[in-house]
Amino acid sequence: MKLYDAARAPNPRRVRVFLKEKGLTVETVTVDMGAMGHRSPEITAMNPLQQLPLLEFEDGSVLTESVAICRYFEELHPDPPLFGSGARERAFVEMWNRRVELNLMASVVAAFRHLHPGMSAWEVPQVAKWGEANKPKALAFLALLDKELEGRPFIAGENYSIADITAMIAFDFMKVARIACPEEHENVWRWYRSVSARPSASA
């Protein structure tokens, strides 16, 4: 199998961090998104949505969406469990990963895509008002998250999970989206320092 990756995009990085946490190595093809490589005929044939990452199997079938790819590797290599152990923990990991995706990552990405001049050829049309409108959405979720993290070390509970991977990458991407986490969110910063110190964070 081959993993089609991109160096700076947040969703491909989610898979890289996940694989590093699992201690797995997968043959990788790096696509230059800056040169619109994700819109090439080859990538479009594999994923008409022209998005990365994607996992190509030996039979030619293609799996897309970063969490779906991570779930595939979780099934093959369940230890360490990054989607939770047992029905209850898995459900809470799923809940928090979706909350982070919809309320933090989506808002950060929208702000970046609609406000950054370098994205003008990607996001057509760019709507600056929509980009600005998403900044307070991200900040509001960080305020909520700060309260939640007061009583636990990780996003979904006592154990590191895919929800922490998603949140860390969204947090890192805030820099290019020009969104700053308030210093007063001490629990968010404590959590961020912890997860970003893991070896997998460098993926």
Foldseek 3Di string as FASTA:
>chain_A
DEKEAEDQDLLSLLLLLLCVLLVHDHHYDYAHVLVPRLVDPVNCVQPVVSDDIWDADPVGHIDHDSVVVSVVVCVVRVPPPQCADDDVLNVLSVVLLVCCVVQQLVLLVLLLCQPPPSNPVPDVHRDNVSSVVSLVSNQVVLVVQLVVLVPELARRHPDHHSSRSSNLSSQVSNVSSVHDHDVVSVSVVNSNVVVCPDPSVVD
